[in-house]
Amino acid sequence: TPEERALLRQRRSRRVIRGLRRRIDKTLHAERPKSPVG
């Protein structure tokens, strides 16, 4: 249900997104902004 899916996202997806944000910040410091990954 939508309520159960929101709980699943809070428990699992939010942790994955935190890790993704850390990787993105590190990538912007290491790569050129005009590169494809930048």
PDB file of all heavy atoms in Angstrom:
ATOM      1  N   THR A   1       0.842  -1.186   0.000  1.00  0.00           N
ATOM      2  CA  THR A   1       0.000   0.000   0.000  1.00  0.00           C
ATOM      3  C   THR A   1       0.885   1.247   0.000  1.00  0.00           C
ATOM      4  O   THR A   1       2.085   1.175   0.284  1.00  0.00           O
ATOM      5  CB  THR A   1      -0.907   0.014   1.230  1.00  0.00           C
ATOM      6  OG1 THR A   1      -0.085   0.068   2.414  1.00  0.00           O
ATOM      7  CG2 THR A   1      -1.761  -1.245   1.273  1.00  0.00           C
ATOM      8  N   PRO A   2       0.324   2.430  -0.317  1.00  0.00           N
ATOM      9  CA  PRO A   2       1.156   3.643  -0.265  1.00  0.00           C
ATOM     10  C   PRO A   2       1.812   3.865   1.091  1.00  0.00           C
ATOM     11  O   PRO A   2       2.970   4.316   1.151  1.00  0.00           O
ATOM     12  CB  PRO A   2       0.159   4.752  -0.608  1.00  0.00           C
ATOM     13  CG  PRO A   2      -0.866   4.083  -1.469  1.00  0.00           C
ATOM     14  CD  PRO A   2      -0.993   2.697  -0.919  1.00  0.00           C
ATOM     15  N   GLU A   3       1.109   3.561   2.182  1.00  0.00           N
ATOM     16  CA  GLU A   3       1.714   3.734   3.504  1.00  0.00           C
ATOM     17  C   GLU A   3       2.875   2.773   3.711  1.00  0.00           C
ATOM     18  O   GLU A   3       3.936   3.156   4.241  1.00  0.00           O
ATOM     19  CB  GLU A   3       0.655   3.533   4.592  1.00  0.00           C
ATOM     20  CG  GLU A   3      -0.440   4.592   4.616  1.00  0.00           C
ATOM     21  CD  GLU A   3      -1.476   4.382   3.525  1.00  0.00           C
ATOM     22  OE1 GLU A   3      -1.449   3.285   2.904  1.00  0.00           O
ATOM     23  OE2 GLU A   3      -2.298   5.290   3.281  1.00  0.00           O
ATOM     24  N   GLU A   4       2.708   1.539   3.302  1.00  0.00           N
ATOM     25  CA  GLU A   4       3.789   0.560   3.447  1.00  0.00           C
ATOM     26  C   GLU A   4       4.971   0.894   2.539  1.00  0.00           C
ATOM     27  O   GLU A   4       6.131   0.701   2.917  1.00  0.00           O
ATOM     28  CB  GLU A   4       3.263  -0.844   3.127  1.00  0.00           C
ATOM     29  CG  GLU A   4       2.228  -1.348   4.126  1.00  0.00           C
ATOM     30  CD  GLU A   4       1.569  -2.639   3.669  1.00  0.00           C
ATOM     31  OE1 GLU A   4       1.636  -2.935   2.458  1.00  0.00           O
ATOM     32  OE2 GLU A   4       0.994  -3.345   4.511  1.00  0.00           O
ATOM     33  N   ARG A   5       4.678   1.410   1.362  1.00  0.00           N
ATOM     34  CA  ARG A   5       5.763   1.772   0.451  1.00  0.00           C
ATOM     35  C   ARG A   5       6.552   2.966   0.994  1.00  0.00           C
ATOM     36  O   ARG A   5       7.777   3.026   0.846  1.00  0.00           O
ATOM     37  CB  ARG A   5       5.206   2.090  -0.933  1.00  0.00           C
ATOM     38  CG  ARG A   5       6.270   2.312  -1.964  1.00  0.00           C
ATOM     39  CD  ARG A   5       5.780   2.108  -3.378  1.00  0.00           C
ATOM     40  NE  ARG A   5       4.756   3.054  -3.763  1.00  0.00           N
ATOM     41  CZ  ARG A   5       4.406   3.288  -5.033  1.00  0.00           C
ATOM     42  NH1 ARG A   5       4.997   2.631  -5.996  1.00  0.00           N
ATOM     43  NH2 ARG A   5       3.451   4.141  -5.314  1.00  0.00           N
ATOM     44  N   ALA A   6       5.872   3.915   1.637  1.00  0.00           N
ATOM     45  CA  ALA A   6       6.582   5.046   2.232  1.00  0.00           C
ATOM     46  C   ALA A   6       7.503   4.579   3.362  1.00  0.00           C
ATOM     47  O   ALA A   6       8.638   5.062   3.494  1.00  0.00           O
ATOM     48  CB  ALA A   6       5.576   6.079   2.754  1.00  0.00           C
ATOM     49  N   LEU A   7       7.040   3.625   4.177  1.00  0.00           N
ATOM     50  CA  LEU A   7       7.888   3.099   5.248  1.00  0.00           C
ATOM     51  C   LEU A   7       9.106   2.378   4.672  1.00  0.00           C
ATOM     52  O   LEU A   7      10.224   2.483   5.211  1.00  0.00           O
ATOM     53  CB  LEU A   7       7.080   2.162   6.134  1.00  0.00           C
ATOM     54  CG  LEU A   7       5.982   2.814   6.990  1.00  0.00           C
ATOM     55  CD1 LEU A   7       5.191   1.752   7.739  1.00  0.00           C
ATOM     56  CD2 LEU A   7       6.587   3.817   7.962  1.00  0.00           C
ATOM     57  N   LEU A   8       8.902   1.621   3.597  1.00  0.00           N
ATOM     58  CA  LEU A   8      10.025   0.924   2.962  1.00  0.00           C
ATOM     59  C   LEU A   8      11.050   1.922   2.424  1.00  0.00           C
ATOM     60  O   LEU A   8      12.263   1.711   2.545  1.00  0.00           O
ATOM     61  CB  LEU A   8       9.502   0.028   1.840  1.00  0.00           C
ATOM     62  CG  LEU A   8      10.562  -0.741   1.034  1.00  0.00           C
ATOM     63  CD1 LEU A   8      11.269  -1.754   1.923  1.00  0.00           C
ATOM     64  CD2 LEU A   8       9.914  -1.442  -0.164  1.00  0.00           C
ATOM     65  N   ARG A   9      10.575   2.993   1.829  1.00  0.00           N
ATOM     66  CA  ARG A   9      11.493   4.002   1.304  1.00  0.00           C
ATOM     67  C   ARG A   9      12.263   4.679   2.431  1.00  0.00           C
ATOM     68  O   ARG A   9      13.456   4.962   2.296  1.00  0.00           O
ATOM     69  CB  ARG A   9      10.707   5.037   0.505  1.00  0.00           C
ATOM     70  CG  ARG A   9      10.136   4.508  -0.798  1.00  0.00           C
ATOM     71  CD  ARG A   9       9.179   5.511  -1.420  1.00  0.00           C
ATOM     72  NE  ARG A   9       8.696   5.076  -2.730  1.00  0.00           N
ATOM     73  CZ  ARG A   9       7.778   5.714  -3.440  1.00  0.00           C
ATOM     74  NH1 ARG A   9       7.236   6.832  -2.943  1.00  0.00           N
ATOM     75  NH2 ARG A   9       7.377   5.263  -4.617  1.00  0.00           N
ATOM     76  N   GLN A  10      11.582   4.950   3.547  1.00  0.00           N
ATOM     77  CA  GLN A  10      12.281   5.574   4.671  1.00  0.00           C
ATOM     78  C   GLN A  10      13.353   4.647   5.236  1.00  0.00           C
ATOM     79  O   GLN A  10      14.428   5.095   5.645  1.00  0.00           O
ATOM     80  CB  GLN A  10      11.267   5.937   5.767  1.00  0.00           C
ATOM     81  CG  GLN A  10      10.323   7.054   5.408  1.00  0.00           C
ATOM     82  CD  GLN A  10      11.011   8.394   5.368  1.00  0.00           C
ATOM     83  OE1 GLN A  10      12.071   8.575   5.961  1.00  0.00           O
ATOM     84  NE2 GLN A  10      10.430   9.344   4.648  1.00  0.00           N
ATOM     85  N   ARG A  11      13.067   3.368   5.258  1.00  0.00           N
ATOM     86  CA  ARG A  11      13.989   2.414   5.865  1.00  0.00           C
ATOM     87  C   ARG A  11      15.161   2.073   4.962  1.00  0.00           C
ATOM     88  O   ARG A  11      16.287   1.899   5.443  1.00  0.00           O
ATOM     89  CB  ARG A  11      13.224   1.142   6.238  1.00  0.00           C
ATOM     90  CG  ARG A  11      14.036   0.151   7.066  1.00  0.00           C
ATOM     91  CD  ARG A  11      13.192  -1.010   7.542  1.00  0.00           C
ATOM     92  NE  ARG A  11      12.711  -1.834   6.445  1.00  0.00           N
ATOM     93  CZ  ARG A  11      11.459  -1.865   6.034  1.00  0.00           C
ATOM     94  NH1 ARG A  11      10.539  -1.094   6.620  1.00  0.00           N
ATOM     95  NH2 ARG A  11      11.089  -2.636   5.020  1.00  0.00           N
ATOM     96  N   ARG A  12      14.944   1.993   3.652  1.00  0.00           N
ATOM     97  CA  ARG A  12      16.000   1.520   2.759  1.00  0.00           C
ATOM     98  C   ARG A  12      16.456   2.578   1.755  1.00  0.00           C
ATOM     99  O   ARG A  12      17.653   2.793   1.568  1.00  0.00           O
ATOM    100  CB  ARG A  12      15.521   0.264   2.032  1.00  0.00           C
ATOM    101  CG  ARG A  12      15.208  -0.906   2.958  1.00  0.00           C
ATOM    102  CD  ARG A  12      14.778  -2.121   2.163  1.00  0.00           C
ATOM    103  NE  ARG A  12      15.771  -2.497   1.172  1.00  0.00           N
ATOM    104  CZ  ARG A  12      15.583  -3.442   0.247  1.00  0.00           C
ATOM    105  NH1 ARG A  12      14.430  -4.099   0.203  1.00  0.00           N
ATOM    106  NH2 ARG A  12      16.526  -3.722  -0.616  1.00  0.00           N
ATOM    107  N   SER A  13      15.505   3.238   1.087  1.00  0.00           N
ATOM    108  CA  SER A  13      15.881   4.158   0.011  1.00  0.00           C
ATOM    109  C   SER A  13      16.604   5.389   0.544  1.00  0.00           C
ATOM    110  O   SER A  13      17.544   5.883  -0.092  1.00  0.00           O
ATOM    111  CB  SER A  13      14.635   4.583  -0.774  1.00  0.00           C
ATOM    112  OG  SER A  13      13.992   3.466  -1.349  1.00  0.00           O
ATOM    113  N   ARG A  14      16.183   5.905   1.690  1.00  0.00           N
ATOM    114  CA  ARG A  14      16.822   7.115   2.204  1.00  0.00           C
ATOM    115  C   ARG A  14      18.305   6.885   2.490  1.00  0.00           C
ATOM    116  O   ARG A  14      19.149   7.752   2.233  1.00  0.00           O
ATOM    117  CB  ARG A  14      16.095   7.596   3.455  1.00  0.00           C
ATOM    118  CG  ARG A  14      16.581   8.940   3.971  1.00  0.00           C
ATOM    119  CD  ARG A  14      15.749   9.404   5.139  1.00  0.00           C
ATOM    120  NE  ARG A  14      14.407   9.748   4.747  1.00  0.00           N
ATOM    121  CZ  ARG A  14      14.048  10.934   4.245  1.00  0.00           C
ATOM    122  NH1 ARG A  14      14.981  11.878   4.064  1.00  0.00           N
ATOM    123  NH2 ARG A  14      12.808  11.184   3.923  1.00  0.00           N
ATOM    124  N   ARG A  15      18.642   5.704   3.017  1.00  0.00           N
ATOM    125  CA  ARG A  15      20.043   5.403   3.286  1.00  0.00           C
ATOM    126  C   ARG A  15      20.845   5.332   1.985  1.00  0.00           C
ATOM    127  O   ARG A  15      21.995   5.801   1.917  1.00  0.00           O
ATOM    128  CB  ARG A  15      20.141   4.085   4.055  1.00  0.00           C
ATOM    129  CG  ARG A  15      21.546   3.675   4.436  1.00  0.00           C
ATOM    130  CD  ARG A  15      21.495   2.420   5.273  1.00  0.00           C
ATOM    131  NE  ARG A  15      20.785   1.350   4.571  1.00  0.00           N
ATOM    132  CZ  ARG A  15      20.461   0.181   5.134  1.00  0.00           C
ATOM    133  NH1 ARG A  15      20.761  -0.046   6.396  1.00  0.00           N
ATOM    134  NH2 ARG A  15      19.831  -0.730   4.426  1.00  0.00           N
ATOM    135  N   VAL A  16      20.260   4.768   0.935  1.00  0.00           N
ATOM    136  CA  VAL A  16      20.950   4.697  -0.360  1.00  0.00           C
ATOM    137  C   VAL A  16      21.165   6.096  -0.924  1.00  0.00           C
ATOM    138  O   VAL A  16      22.230   6.407  -1.481  1.00  0.00           O
ATOM    139  CB  VAL A  16      20.135   3.824  -1.338  1.00  0.00           C
ATOM    140  CG1 VAL A  16      20.788   3.813  -2.717  1.00  0.00           C
ATOM    141  CG2 VAL A  16      20.009   2.402  -0.810  1.00  0.00           C
ATOM    142  N   ILE A  17      20.194   6.970  -0.751  1.00  0.00           N
ATOM    143  CA  ILE A  17      20.308   8.325  -1.295  1.00  0.00           C
ATOM    144  C   ILE A  17      21.378   9.116  -0.546  1.00  0.00           C
ATOM    145  O   ILE A  17      22.097   9.931  -1.143  1.00  0.00           O
ATOM    146  CB  ILE A  17      18.935   9.022  -1.233  1.00  0.00           C
ATOM    147  CG1 ILE A  17      17.975   8.361  -2.246  1.00  0.00           C
ATOM    148  CG2 ILE A  17      19.063  10.502  -1.529  1.00  0.00           C
ATOM    149  CD1 ILE A  17      16.584   8.934  -2.241  1.00  0.00           C
ATOM    150  N   ARG A  18      21.494   8.890   0.755  1.00  0.00           N
ATOM    151  CA  ARG A  18      22.577   9.564   1.490  1.00  0.00           C
ATOM    152  C   ARG A  18      23.946   9.178   0.922  1.00  0.00           C
ATOM    153  O   ARG A  18      24.821  10.033   0.728  1.00  0.00           O
ATOM    154  CB  ARG A  18      22.495   9.198   2.973  1.00  0.00           C
ATOM    155  CG  ARG A  18      21.338   9.820   3.733  1.00  0.00           C
ATOM    156  CD  ARG A  18      21.595   9.759   5.222  1.00  0.00           C
ATOM    157  NE  ARG A  18      20.394  10.037   5.985  1.00  0.00           N
ATOM    158  CZ  ARG A  18      19.639   9.121   6.572  1.00  0.00           C
ATOM    159  NH1 ARG A  18      19.962   7.842   6.485  1.00  0.00           N
ATOM    160  NH2 ARG A  18      18.563   9.467   7.242  1.00  0.00           N
ATOM    161  N   GLY A  19      24.142   7.889   0.685  1.00  0.00           N
ATOM    162  CA  GLY A  19      25.406   7.458   0.096  1.00  0.00           C
ATOM    163  C   GLY A  19      25.612   8.020  -1.292  1.00  0.00           C
ATOM    164  O   GLY A  19      26.738   8.386  -1.673  1.00  0.00           O
ATOM    165  N   LEU A  20      24.540   8.124  -2.081  1.00  0.00           N
ATOM    166  CA  LEU A  20      24.651   8.698  -3.423  1.00  0.00           C
ATOM    167  C   LEU A  20      25.055  10.165  -3.349  1.00  0.00           C
ATOM    168  O   LEU A  20      25.882  10.628  -4.151  1.00  0.00           O
ATOM    169  CB  LEU A  20      23.315   8.542  -4.153  1.00  0.00           C
ATOM    170  CG  LEU A  20      23.233   9.156  -5.553  1.00  0.00           C
ATOM    171  CD1 LEU A  20      24.193   8.470  -6.505  1.00  0.00           C
ATOM    172  CD2 LEU A  20      21.798   9.085  -6.089  1.00  0.00           C
ATOM    173  N   ARG A  21      24.497  10.891  -2.399  1.00  0.00           N
ATOM    174  CA  ARG A  21      24.836  12.317  -2.285  1.00  0.00           C
ATOM    175  C   ARG A  21      26.328  12.495  -1.939  1.00  0.00           C
ATOM    176  O   ARG A  21      26.997  13.388  -2.495  1.00  0.00           O
ATOM    177  CB  ARG A  21      23.967  12.968  -1.210  1.00  0.00           C
ATOM    178  CG  ARG A  21      24.288  14.445  -0.939  1.00  0.00           C
ATOM    179  CD  ARG A  21      24.134  15.262  -2.219  1.00  0.00           C
ATOM    180  NE  ARG A  21      24.559  16.641  -2.014  1.00  0.00           N
ATOM    181  CZ  ARG A  21      23.738  17.644  -1.683  1.00  0.00           C
ATOM    182  NH1 ARG A  21      22.436  17.400  -1.484  1.00  0.00           N
ATOM    183  NH2 ARG A  21      24.178  18.864  -1.539  1.00  0.00           N
ATOM    184  N   ARG A  22      26.857  11.665  -1.052  1.00  0.00           N
ATOM    185  CA  ARG A  22      28.279  11.768  -0.724  1.00  0.00           C
ATOM    186  C   ARG A  22      29.144  11.494  -1.951  1.00  0.00           C
ATOM    187  O   ARG A  22      30.147  12.183  -2.197  1.00  0.00           O
ATOM    188  CB  ARG A  22      28.627  10.807   0.414  1.00  0.00           C
ATOM    189  CG  ARG A  22      28.046  11.194   1.758  1.00  0.00           C
ATOM    190  CD  ARG A  22      28.683  10.390   2.882  1.00  0.00           C
ATOM    191  NE  ARG A  22      28.395   8.970   2.746  1.00  0.00           N
ATOM    192  CZ  ARG A  22      27.359   8.369   3.331  1.00  0.00           C
ATOM    193  NH1 ARG A  22      26.500   9.064   4.087  1.00  0.00           N
ATOM    194  NH2 ARG A  22      27.174   7.068   3.172  1.00  0.00           N
ATOM    195  N   ARG A  23      28.780  10.494  -2.744  1.00  0.00           N
ATOM    196  CA  ARG A  23      29.551  10.185  -3.951  1.00  0.00           C
ATOM    197  C   ARG A  23      29.467  11.333  -4.964  1.00  0.00           C
ATOM    198  O   ARG A  23      30.456  11.642  -5.649  1.00  0.00           O
ATOM    199  CB  ARG A  23      29.016   8.892  -4.587  1.00  0.00           C
ATOM    200  CG  ARG A  23      29.244   7.637  -3.769  1.00  0.00           C
ATOM    201  CD  ARG A  23      30.706   7.251  -3.743  1.00  0.00           C
ATOM    202  NE  ARG A  23      30.915   5.970  -3.103  1.00  0.00           N
ATOM    203  CZ  ARG A  23      30.987   4.818  -3.748  1.00  0.00           C
ATOM    204  NH1 ARG A  23      30.844   4.782  -5.053  1.00  0.00           N
ATOM    205  NH2 ARG A  23      31.198   3.694  -3.077  1.00  0.00           N
ATOM    206  N   ILE A  24      28.298  11.949  -5.097  1.00  0.00           N
ATOM    207  CA  ILE A  24      28.153  13.052  -6.050  1.00  0.00           C
ATOM    208  C   ILE A  24      29.011  14.241  -5.632  1.00  0.00           C
ATOM    209  O   ILE A  24      29.672  14.887  -6.468  1.00  0.00           O
ATOM    210  CB  ILE A  24      26.669  13.448  -6.179  1.00  0.00           C
ATOM    211  CG1 ILE A  24      25.890  12.352  -6.923  1.00  0.00           C
ATOM    212  CG2 ILE A  24      26.519  14.774  -6.906  1.00  0.00           C
ATOM    213  CD1 ILE A  24      24.406  12.620  -7.044  1.00  0.00           C
ATOM    214  N   ASP A  25      29.015  14.562  -4.334  1.00  0.00           N
ATOM    215  CA  ASP A  25      29.835  15.678  -3.867  1.00  0.00           C
ATOM    216  C   ASP A  25      31.313  15.414  -4.139  1.00  0.00           C
ATOM    217  O   ASP A  25      32.057  16.319  -4.570  1.00  0.00           O
ATOM    218  CB  ASP A  25      29.596  15.903  -2.374  1.00  0.00           C
ATOM    219  CG  ASP A  25      28.196  16.432  -2.092  1.00  0.00           C
ATOM    220  OD1 ASP A  25      27.588  17.006  -3.016  1.00  0.00           O
ATOM    221  OD2 ASP A  25      27.707  16.262  -0.956  1.00  0.00           O
ATOM    222  N   LYS A  26      31.781  14.191  -3.869  1.00  0.00           N
ATOM    223  CA  LYS A  26      33.175  13.859  -4.140  1.00  0.00           C
ATOM    224  C   LYS A  26      33.487  13.936  -5.632  1.00  0.00           C
ATOM    225  O   LYS A  26      34.563  14.378  -6.046  1.00  0.00           O
ATOM    226  CB  LYS A  26      33.497  12.471  -3.616  1.00  0.00           C
ATOM    227  CG  LYS A  26      33.479  12.355  -2.091  1.00  0.00           C
ATOM    228  CD  LYS A  26      33.816  10.941  -1.657  1.00  0.00           C
ATOM    229  CE  LYS A  26      33.794  10.814  -0.137  1.00  0.00           C
ATOM    230  NZ  LYS A  26      34.092   9.410   0.299  1.00  0.00           N
ATOM    231  N   THR A  27      32.529  13.523  -6.458  1.00  0.00           N
ATOM    232  CA  THR A  27      32.756  13.537  -7.907  1.00  0.00           C
ATOM    233  C   THR A  27      32.883  14.964  -8.425  1.00  0.00           C
ATOM    234  O   THR A  27      33.720  15.260  -9.300  1.00  0.00           O
ATOM    235  CB  THR A  27      31.607  12.811  -8.623  1.00  0.00           C
ATOM    236  OG1 THR A  27      31.506  11.470  -8.130  1.00  0.00           O
ATOM    237  CG2 THR A  27      31.833  12.766 -10.124  1.00  0.00           C
ATOM    238  N   LEU A  28      32.073  15.882  -7.908  1.00  0.00           N
ATOM    239  CA  LEU A  28      32.147  17.266  -8.360  1.00  0.00           C
ATOM    240  C   LEU A  28      33.468  17.915  -7.981  1.00  0.00           C
ATOM    241  O   LEU A  28      33.949  18.829  -8.672  1.00  0.00           O
ATOM    242  CB  LEU A  28      30.980  18.063  -7.771  1.00  0.00           C
ATOM    243  CG  LEU A  28      29.621  17.850  -8.443  1.00  0.00           C
ATOM    244  CD1 LEU A  28      28.544  18.633  -7.729  1.00  0.00           C
ATOM    245  CD2 LEU A  28      29.679  18.247  -9.909  1.00  0.00           C
ATOM    246  N   HIS A  29      34.081  17.474  -6.882  1.00  0.00           N
ATOM    247  CA  HIS A  29      35.386  18.007  -6.504  1.00  0.00           C
ATOM    248  C   HIS A  29      36.512  17.418  -7.357  1.00  0.00           C
ATOM    249  O   HIS A  29      37.570  18.039  -7.510  1.00  0.00           O
ATOM    250  CB  HIS A  29      35.677  17.733  -5.024  1.00  0.00           C
ATOM    251  CG  HIS A  29      34.924  18.626  -4.098  1.00  0.00           C
ATOM    252  ND1 HIS A  29      33.659  18.335  -3.658  1.00  0.00           N
ATOM    253  CD2 HIS A  29      35.255  19.828  -3.554  1.00  0.00           C
ATOM    254  CE1 HIS A  29      33.239  19.304  -2.853  1.00  0.00           C
ATOM    255  NE2 HIS A  29      34.184  20.225  -2.769  1.00  0.00           N
ATOM    256  N   ALA A  30      36.296  16.239  -7.912  1.00  0.00           N
ATOM    257  CA  ALA A  30      37.362  15.560  -8.654  1.00  0.00           C
ATOM    258  C   ALA A  30      37.237  15.726 -10.166  1.00  0.00           C
ATOM    259  O   ALA A  30      38.234  15.612 -10.875  1.00  0.00           O
ATOM    260  CB  ALA A  30      37.381  14.072  -8.310  1.00  0.00           C
ATOM    261  N   GLU A  31      36.027  15.952 -10.696  1.00  0.00           N
ATOM    262  CA  GLU A  31      35.810  16.009 -12.134  1.00  0.00           C
ATOM    263  C   GLU A  31      35.507  17.438 -12.581  1.00  0.00           C
ATOM    264  O   GLU A  31      35.071  18.286 -11.788  1.00  0.00           O
ATOM    265  CB  GLU A  31      34.648  15.091 -12.539  1.00  0.00           C
ATOM    266  CG  GLU A  31      34.891  13.617 -12.245  1.00  0.00           C
ATOM    267  CD  GLU A  31      35.945  13.019 -13.140  1.00  0.00           C
ATOM    268  OE1 GLU A  31      36.094  13.515 -14.280  1.00  0.00           O
ATOM    269  OE2 GLU A  31      36.633  12.081 -12.704  1.00  0.00           O
ATOM    270  N   ARG A  32      35.735  17.675 -13.860  1.00  0.00           N
ATOM    271  CA  ARG A  32      35.412  18.977 -14.435  1.00  0.00           C
ATOM    272  C   ARG A  32      33.895  19.171 -14.521  1.00  0.00           C
ATOM    273  O   ARG A  32      33.183  18.229 -14.877  1.00  0.00           O
ATOM    274  CB  ARG A  32      36.026  19.104 -15.831  1.00  0.00           C
ATOM    275  CG  ARG A  32      37.542  19.120 -15.839  1.00  0.00           C
ATOM    276  CD  ARG A  32      38.096  19.255 -17.243  1.00  0.00           C
ATOM    277  NE  ARG A  32      37.791  18.075 -18.051  1.00  0.00           N
ATOM    278  CZ  ARG A  32      36.897  18.045 -19.011  1.00  0.00           C
ATOM    279  NH1 ARG A  32      36.171  19.127 -19.297  1.00  0.00           N
ATOM    280  NH2 ARG A  32      36.694  16.945 -19.710  1.00  0.00           N
ATOM    281  N   PRO A  33      33.382  20.364 -14.235  1.00  0.00           N
ATOM    282  CA  PRO A  33      31.923  20.563 -14.293  1.00  0.00           C
ATOM    283  C   PRO A  33      31.339  20.360 -15.685  1.00  0.00           C
ATOM    284  O   PRO A  33      30.164  19.996 -15.807  1.00  0.00           O
ATOM    285  CB  PRO A  33      31.748  22.008 -13.808  1.00  0.00           C
ATOM    286  CG  PRO A  33      32.986  22.316 -13.048  1.00  0.00           C
ATOM    287  CD  PRO A  33      34.085  21.539 -13.701  1.00  0.00           C
ATOM    288  N   LYS A  34      32.128  20.585 -16.737  1.00  0.00           N
ATOM    289  CA  LYS A  34      31.624  20.448 -18.106  1.00  0.00           C
ATOM    290  C   LYS A  34      31.768  19.029 -18.646  1.00  0.00           C
ATOM    291  O   LYS A  34      31.356  18.765 -19.779  1.00  0.00           O
ATOM    292  CB  LYS A  34      32.359  21.420 -19.031  1.00  0.00           C
ATOM    293  CG  LYS A  34      32.110  22.884 -18.709  1.00  0.00           C
ATOM    294  CD  LYS A  34      30.642  23.249 -18.872  1.00  0.00           C
ATOM    295  CE  LYS A  34      30.395  24.723 -18.625  1.00  0.00           C
ATOM    296  NZ  LYS A  34      28.972  25.097 -18.795  1.00  0.00           N
ATOM    297  N   SER A  35      32.364  18.130 -17.881  1.00  0.00           N
ATOM    298  CA  SER A  35      32.457  16.742 -18.320  1.00  0.00           C
ATOM    299  C   SER A  35      31.074  16.093 -18.254  1.00  0.00           C
ATOM    300  O   SER A  35      30.173  16.587 -17.555  1.00  0.00           O
ATOM    301  CB  SER A  35      33.452  15.978 -17.444  1.00  0.00           C
ATOM    302  OG  SER A  35      32.987  15.925 -16.100  1.00  0.00           O
ATOM    303  N   PRO A  36      30.856  14.976 -18.953  1.00  0.00           N
ATOM    304  CA  PRO A  36      29.536  14.333 -18.904  1.00  0.00           C
ATOM    305  C   PRO A  36      29.087  13.969 -17.496  1.00  0.00           C
ATOM    306  O   PRO A  36      27.928  14.204 -17.127  1.00  0.00           O
ATOM    307  CB  PRO A  36      29.725  13.089 -19.795  1.00  0.00           C
ATOM    308  CG  PRO A  36      30.819  13.466 -20.730  1.00  0.00           C
ATOM    309  CD  PRO A  36      31.743  14.342 -19.952  1.00  0.00           C
ATOM    310  N   VAL A  37      29.985  13.405 -16.693  1.00  0.00           N
ATOM    311  CA  VAL A  37      29.592  13.057 -15.329  1.00  0.00           C
ATOM    312  C   VAL A  37      29.421  14.307 -14.477  1.00  0.00           C
ATOM    313  O   VAL A  37      28.568  14.346 -13.570  1.00  0.00           O
ATOM    314  CB  VAL A  37      30.617  12.091 -14.707  1.00  0.00           C
ATOM    315  CG1 VAL A  37      31.959  12.774 -14.494  1.00  0.00           C
ATOM    316  CG2 VAL A  37      30.097  11.519 -13.396  1.00  0.00           C
ATOM    317  N   GLY A  38      30.200  15.362 -14.764  1.00  0.00           N
ATOM    318  CA  GLY A  38      30.018  16.612 -14.038  1.00  0.00           C
ATOM    319  C   GLY A  38      28.669  17.243 -14.319  1.00  0.00           C
ATOM    320  O   GLY A  38      28.003  17.765 -13.405  1.00  0.00           O
TER     321      GLY A  38
END
